Amino acid sequence: SAVREHDVVSPSHDVAVALASDRPYYPKPAYYPKPAYPSPAYPAADGYDYAPMPYSFDWAVLDQASYNDFGQKETSDGKLVSGTYYVVLPDGRRQVVTYKADDYGYVADVKYEGEATYPEYKPAYPAYPKPAYAPPAYPKPTYSAPAYPKPTYAPPAYPKASYPEPSYPSYPRPSYPAYPRPAYPSYPRPSYPSYPKPSYPFPSTTEAAIEAAAPVKEAEIPAEAITEDAEAAVAVTEPIGEAAAAPIASEAESSTDAA
């Protein structure tokens, strides 16, 4: 049927039609219908829904050869689950976890017992006995040492050189002049003038005198420790009039000019 369609469409495709006619024609395979398996029927899950019941269990593992030391203990009253489990860590500490679980969630308390230690690893090798084999005994050779003849040749005689021995001039030892030791002049020790100790005027206001005086609490100084100097310091805090402050200011100006 394919050859006839090509012949009707175009006679120029004779070569292509001839090649197509050489290929065998295979019909489309017929597949078997898909098998229909019935769905499995499982029993209702309601039959396995039991009410929670109390229980209790515990277990532990201790293997010193493999350094395993851990365990668990758990109890339940049907509503609240509480328990604890522990494990020995590689650093030597013991980790203990205490937990509680109910409908509201899971709460755990983690604690560590002991201190972490990191000992140096020292492998233990087995002690093997030293071999007790005797050293091999070889026979001593019986041949004699070779004797070589002493050489009879005479040592070479070299002719003596005929050139004259060199002569070097002799120079007198140098003499250096003697210089006298230098004499340095002696200078008198310098003297500095003595200046009088400066005198400063008292403050002209009550505030300056109060700031200069240190605050003293009555509880820190007993009554018998108050002397005339303390009474004079309190008297300075009285205000100074303008007439008394004028000569103090003039004395301060004169002392500054003199300096």
Protein backbone atom coordinates (compact mmCIF):
# COMPACT_ATOMS: atom_id res chain seq x y z
CA SER A 1 0.00 0.00 0.00
CA ALA A 2 2.94 2.32 0.64
CA VAL A 3 4.20 1.80 -2.92
CA ARG A 4 0.89 2.72 -4.45
CA GLU A 5 0.65 6.00 -2.51
CA HIS A 6 4.12 7.10 -3.69
CA ASP A 7 3.28 6.24 -7.28
CA VAL A 8 0.19 8.44 -7.19
CA VAL A 9 1.92 11.40 -5.57
CA SER A 10 5.01 11.64 -7.77
CA PRO A 11 6.49 9.32 -10.40
CA SER A 12 9.97 10.76 -9.74
CA HIS A 13 10.26 8.81 -6.48
CA ASP A 14 10.71 5.44 -8.17
CA VAL A 15 14.07 4.83 -6.53
CA ALA A 16 12.81 5.63 -3.05
CA VAL A 17 9.74 3.46 -3.56
CA ALA A 18 11.88 0.54 -4.73
CA LEU A 19 14.07 0.77 -1.61
CA ALA A 20 11.00 1.01 0.63
CA SER A 21 9.43 -2.04 -0.96
CA ASP A 22 12.48 -4.17 -0.04
CA ARG A 23 11.95 -3.64 3.74
CA PRO A 24 9.70 -6.22 5.46
CA TYR A 25 6.46 -5.08 7.02
CA TYR A 26 5.66 -6.10 10.59
CA PRO A 27 2.16 -5.63 12.00
CA LYS A 28 1.65 -3.79 15.29
CA PRO A 29 1.87 -6.24 18.22
CA ALA A 30 -1.27 -6.90 20.20
CA TYR A 31 -0.70 -6.53 23.97
CA TYR A 32 -2.60 -8.49 26.53
CA PRO A 33 -5.19 -6.58 28.58
CA LYS A 34 -4.06 -5.18 31.94
CA PRO A 35 -4.85 -7.61 34.74
CA ALA A 36 -7.38 -6.40 37.29
CA TYR A 37 -6.45 -7.48 40.79
CA PRO A 38 -8.89 -6.93 43.62
CA SER A 39 -7.78 -4.48 46.32
CA PRO A 40 -6.54 -6.17 49.51
CA ALA A 41 -8.96 -6.01 52.40
CA TYR A 42 -7.32 -5.15 55.75
CA PRO A 43 -9.11 -5.40 59.06
CA ALA A 44 -10.35 -2.18 60.64
CA ALA A 45 -7.78 -0.33 62.73
CA ASP A 46 -10.26 0.37 65.46
CA GLY A 47 -9.76 -3.08 66.87
CA TYR A 48 -6.10 -2.27 67.83
CA ASP A 49 -6.70 1.11 69.50
CA TYR A 50 -6.24 0.23 73.15
CA ALA A 51 -6.17 2.68 76.02
CA PRO A 52 -2.66 3.51 77.34
CA MET A 53 -1.57 1.24 80.15
CA PRO A 54 1.13 1.66 82.83
CA TYR A 55 4.51 0.08 82.20
CA SER A 56 8.08 0.13 83.49
CA PHE A 57 11.39 -1.11 82.11
CA ASP A 58 15.12 -0.56 82.49
CA TRP A 59 18.29 -1.86 80.83
CA ALA A 60 22.04 -1.20 80.97
CA VAL A 61 25.23 -2.06 79.06
CA LEU A 62 28.68 -2.28 80.67
CA ASP A 63 31.63 -3.48 78.58
CA GLN A 64 34.97 -2.28 79.89
CA ALA A 65 36.92 -3.77 76.99
CA SER A 66 35.11 -1.52 74.47
CA TYR A 67 34.58 1.39 76.93
CA ASN A 68 30.77 1.12 76.67
CA ASP A 69 28.76 2.14 79.76
CA PHE A 70 25.17 3.34 79.21
CA GLY A 71 21.60 2.48 80.23
CA GLN A 72 17.98 3.65 80.50
CA LYS A 73 15.05 3.44 82.91
CA GLU A 74 11.48 4.50 82.04
CA THR A 75 8.08 4.33 83.77
CA SER A 76 4.56 5.42 82.80
CA ASP A 77 1.20 5.58 84.55
CA GLY A 78 -0.72 5.69 81.26
CA LYS A 79 -0.66 9.48 80.98
CA LEU A 80 2.76 10.74 82.05
CA VAL A 81 5.99 9.12 80.85
CA SER A 82 9.11 9.79 82.95
CA GLY A 83 12.53 8.28 82.80
CA THR A 84 16.27 8.76 82.68
CA TYR A 85 19.19 7.50 80.64
CA TYR A 86 22.94 7.88 81.06
CA VAL A 87 26.09 7.40 79.02
CA VAL A 88 29.81 7.64 79.86
CA LEU A 89 31.47 10.06 77.41
CA PRO A 90 34.98 9.52 75.97
CA ASP A 91 36.40 12.34 78.17
CA GLY A 92 35.39 10.47 81.36
CA ARG A 93 32.27 12.48 82.23
CA ARG A 94 28.88 10.84 82.84
CA GLN A 95 25.95 12.42 80.99
CA VAL A 96 22.58 11.93 82.71
CA VAL A 97 19.33 12.97 81.01
CA THR A 98 16.10 13.07 83.03
CA TYR A 99 12.97 13.53 80.91
CA LYS A 100 9.17 13.74 81.14
CA ALA A 101 6.65 13.46 78.32
CA ASP A 102 2.87 13.84 78.16
CA ASP A 103 0.22 15.28 75.86
CA TYR A 104 1.76 18.75 76.24
CA GLY A 105 5.29 17.90 75.07
CA TYR A 106 8.70 16.56 76.03
CA VAL A 107 10.93 18.17 78.71
CA ALA A 108 14.51 17.00 79.35
CA ASP A 109 17.11 17.97 81.95
CA VAL A 110 20.73 17.25 81.00
CA LYS A 111 23.46 17.03 83.64
CA TYR A 112 27.15 16.07 83.60
CA GLU A 113 28.95 14.30 86.42
CA GLY A 114 32.71 14.33 86.94
CA GLU A 115 35.44 16.31 85.19
CA ALA A 116 36.72 15.93 81.66
CA THR A 117 40.18 14.35 81.45
CA TYR A 118 42.34 13.77 78.41
CA PRO A 119 45.06 11.24 79.42
CA GLU A 120 47.96 10.65 77.11
CA TYR A 121 47.62 7.47 75.14
CA LYS A 122 50.48 5.08 75.80
CA PRO A 123 50.21 1.84 73.86
CA ALA A 124 51.28 -1.29 75.69
CA TYR A 125 53.46 -3.53 73.58
CA PRO A 126 54.04 -7.18 74.55
CA ALA A 127 57.44 -8.04 75.94
CA TYR A 128 59.13 -10.58 73.71
CA PRO A 129 62.11 -12.58 75.09
CA LYS A 130 65.52 -11.80 73.69
CA PRO A 131 66.74 -14.50 71.31
CA ALA A 132 69.40 -16.70 72.87
CA TYR A 133 71.14 -17.92 69.74
CA ALA A 134 74.96 -18.25 69.83
CA PRO A 135 77.06 -16.33 67.35
CA PRO A 136 78.47 -18.48 64.54
CA ALA A 137 82.04 -19.74 65.00
CA TYR A 138 84.09 -19.43 61.84
CA PRO A 139 87.44 -21.28 61.58
CA LYS A 140 90.55 -19.16 61.60
CA PRO A 141 92.35 -19.06 58.24
CA THR A 142 95.64 -21.01 58.12
CA TYR A 143 97.41 -19.07 55.37
CA SER A 144 100.44 -16.90 56.26
CA ALA A 145 100.66 -13.19 55.63
CA PRO A 146 102.47 -12.28 52.38
CA ALA A 147 106.05 -10.91 52.68
CA TYR A 148 106.92 -8.14 50.29
CA PRO A 149 110.64 -7.28 49.58
CA LYS A 150 111.90 -3.88 50.67
CA PRO A 151 112.66 -1.50 47.75
CA THR A 152 116.37 -0.90 47.04
CA TYR A 153 116.19 2.38 45.10
CA ALA A 154 118.18 5.37 46.46
CA PRO A 155 116.51 8.70 47.26
CA PRO A 156 116.92 11.35 44.49
CA ALA A 157 119.74 13.92 44.80
CA TYR A 158 118.81 17.41 43.67
CA PRO A 159 121.58 19.89 42.66
CA LYS A 160 122.08 22.94 44.89
CA ALA A 161 120.97 26.30 43.46
CA SER A 162 123.81 28.52 42.23
CA TYR A 163 122.10 31.94 42.71
CA PRO A 164 123.33 34.18 45.68
CA GLU A 165 121.37 34.59 48.88
CA PRO A 166 119.28 37.85 48.97
CA SER A 167 120.43 40.67 51.33
CA TYR A 168 117.86 43.03 52.96
CA PRO A 169 118.70 46.60 54.21
CA SER A 170 118.49 47.36 57.95
CA TYR A 171 116.52 50.47 59.05
CA PRO A 172 117.03 52.31 62.40
CA ARG A 173 114.22 52.19 64.98
CA PRO A 174 112.02 55.33 64.73
CA SER A 175 112.07 57.86 67.63
CA TYR A 176 108.96 59.91 68.55
CA PRO A 177 109.04 63.35 70.29
CA ALA A 178 107.79 63.61 73.89
CA TYR A 179 104.88 66.09 74.32
CA PRO A 180 104.18 67.74 77.73
CA ARG A 181 100.90 66.88 79.48
CA PRO A 182 98.25 69.58 78.85
CA ALA A 183 97.23 71.79 81.79
CA TYR A 184 93.53 72.80 82.00
CA PRO A 185 92.45 76.02 83.80
CA SER A 186 90.29 75.66 86.98
CA TYR A 187 87.00 77.57 86.96
CA PRO A 188 85.27 78.73 90.16
CA ARG A 189 81.99 77.05 91.10
CA PRO A 190 78.99 79.15 89.92
CA SER A 191 76.86 80.90 92.56
CA TYR A 192 73.14 81.43 92.01
CA PRO A 193 71.09 84.27 93.57
CA SER A 194 68.51 83.39 96.25
CA TYR A 195 64.97 84.55 95.58
CA PRO A 196 62.45 85.24 98.36
CA LYS A 197 59.55 82.83 98.74
CA PRO A 198 56.45 84.22 96.94
CA SER A 199 53.43 85.19 99.04
CA TYR A 200 49.93 84.85 97.60
CA PRO A 201 46.90 86.87 98.76
CA PHE A 202 43.84 85.27 100.34
CA PRO A 203 40.73 84.83 98.14
CA SER A 204 38.48 87.87 98.05
CA THR A 205 35.15 86.01 98.05
CA THR A 206 33.47 83.57 100.39
CA GLU A 207 32.91 80.98 97.63
CA ALA A 208 36.66 80.65 96.86
CA ALA A 209 37.47 80.08 100.51
CA ILE A 210 34.74 77.44 100.81
CA GLU A 211 36.00 75.59 97.68
CA ALA A 212 39.59 75.64 98.97
CA ALA A 213 38.60 74.14 102.33
CA ALA A 214 38.10 70.34 102.25
CA PRO A 215 34.67 69.17 103.43
CA VAL A 216 34.95 67.62 106.89
CA LYS A 217 32.23 65.58 108.54
CA GLU A 218 31.58 66.16 112.23
CA ALA A 219 31.47 62.42 112.88
CA GLU A 220 35.03 61.87 111.55
CA ILE A 221 36.82 64.50 113.82
CA PRO A 222 36.41 64.30 117.60
CA ALA A 223 35.72 67.46 119.56
CA GLU A 224 39.11 67.42 121.38
CA ALA A 225 40.98 67.33 117.98
CA ILE A 226 39.71 70.81 116.94
CA THR A 227 42.58 73.29 117.51
CA GLU A 228 43.15 76.97 116.99
CA ASP A 229 44.25 76.38 113.37
CA ALA A 230 40.87 74.80 112.57
CA GLU A 231 39.07 77.81 114.14
CA ALA A 232 41.20 80.18 112.04
CA ALA A 233 40.34 78.21 108.85
CA VAL A 234 36.64 78.61 109.67
CA ALA A 235 37.12 82.35 110.26
CA VAL A 236 38.49 82.77 106.72
CA THR A 237 35.12 81.76 105.29
CA GLU A 238 33.58 85.07 106.48
CA PRO A 239 32.91 87.58 103.67
CA ILE A 240 35.54 90.26 103.07
CA GLY A 241 34.42 93.78 102.31
CA GLU A 242 35.43 95.79 99.29
CA ALA A 243 37.59 98.12 101.44
CA ALA A 244 39.62 95.23 102.85
CA ALA A 245 40.00 93.55 99.44
CA ALA A 246 41.57 96.63 97.74
CA PRO A 247 44.98 96.57 99.56
CA ILE A 248 45.25 92.81 99.02
CA ALA A 249 44.83 93.22 95.24
CA SER A 250 47.47 96.04 95.15
CA GLU A 251 49.98 93.85 97.08
CA ALA A 252 49.43 91.02 94.56
CA GLU A 253 50.15 93.36 91.60
CA SER A 254 53.33 94.72 93.23
CA SER A 255 54.66 91.23 93.95
CA THR A 256 53.99 90.19 90.31
CA ASP A 257 55.91 93.24 88.97
CA ALA A 258 58.86 92.51 91.25
CA ALA A 259 59.03 88.94 90.01
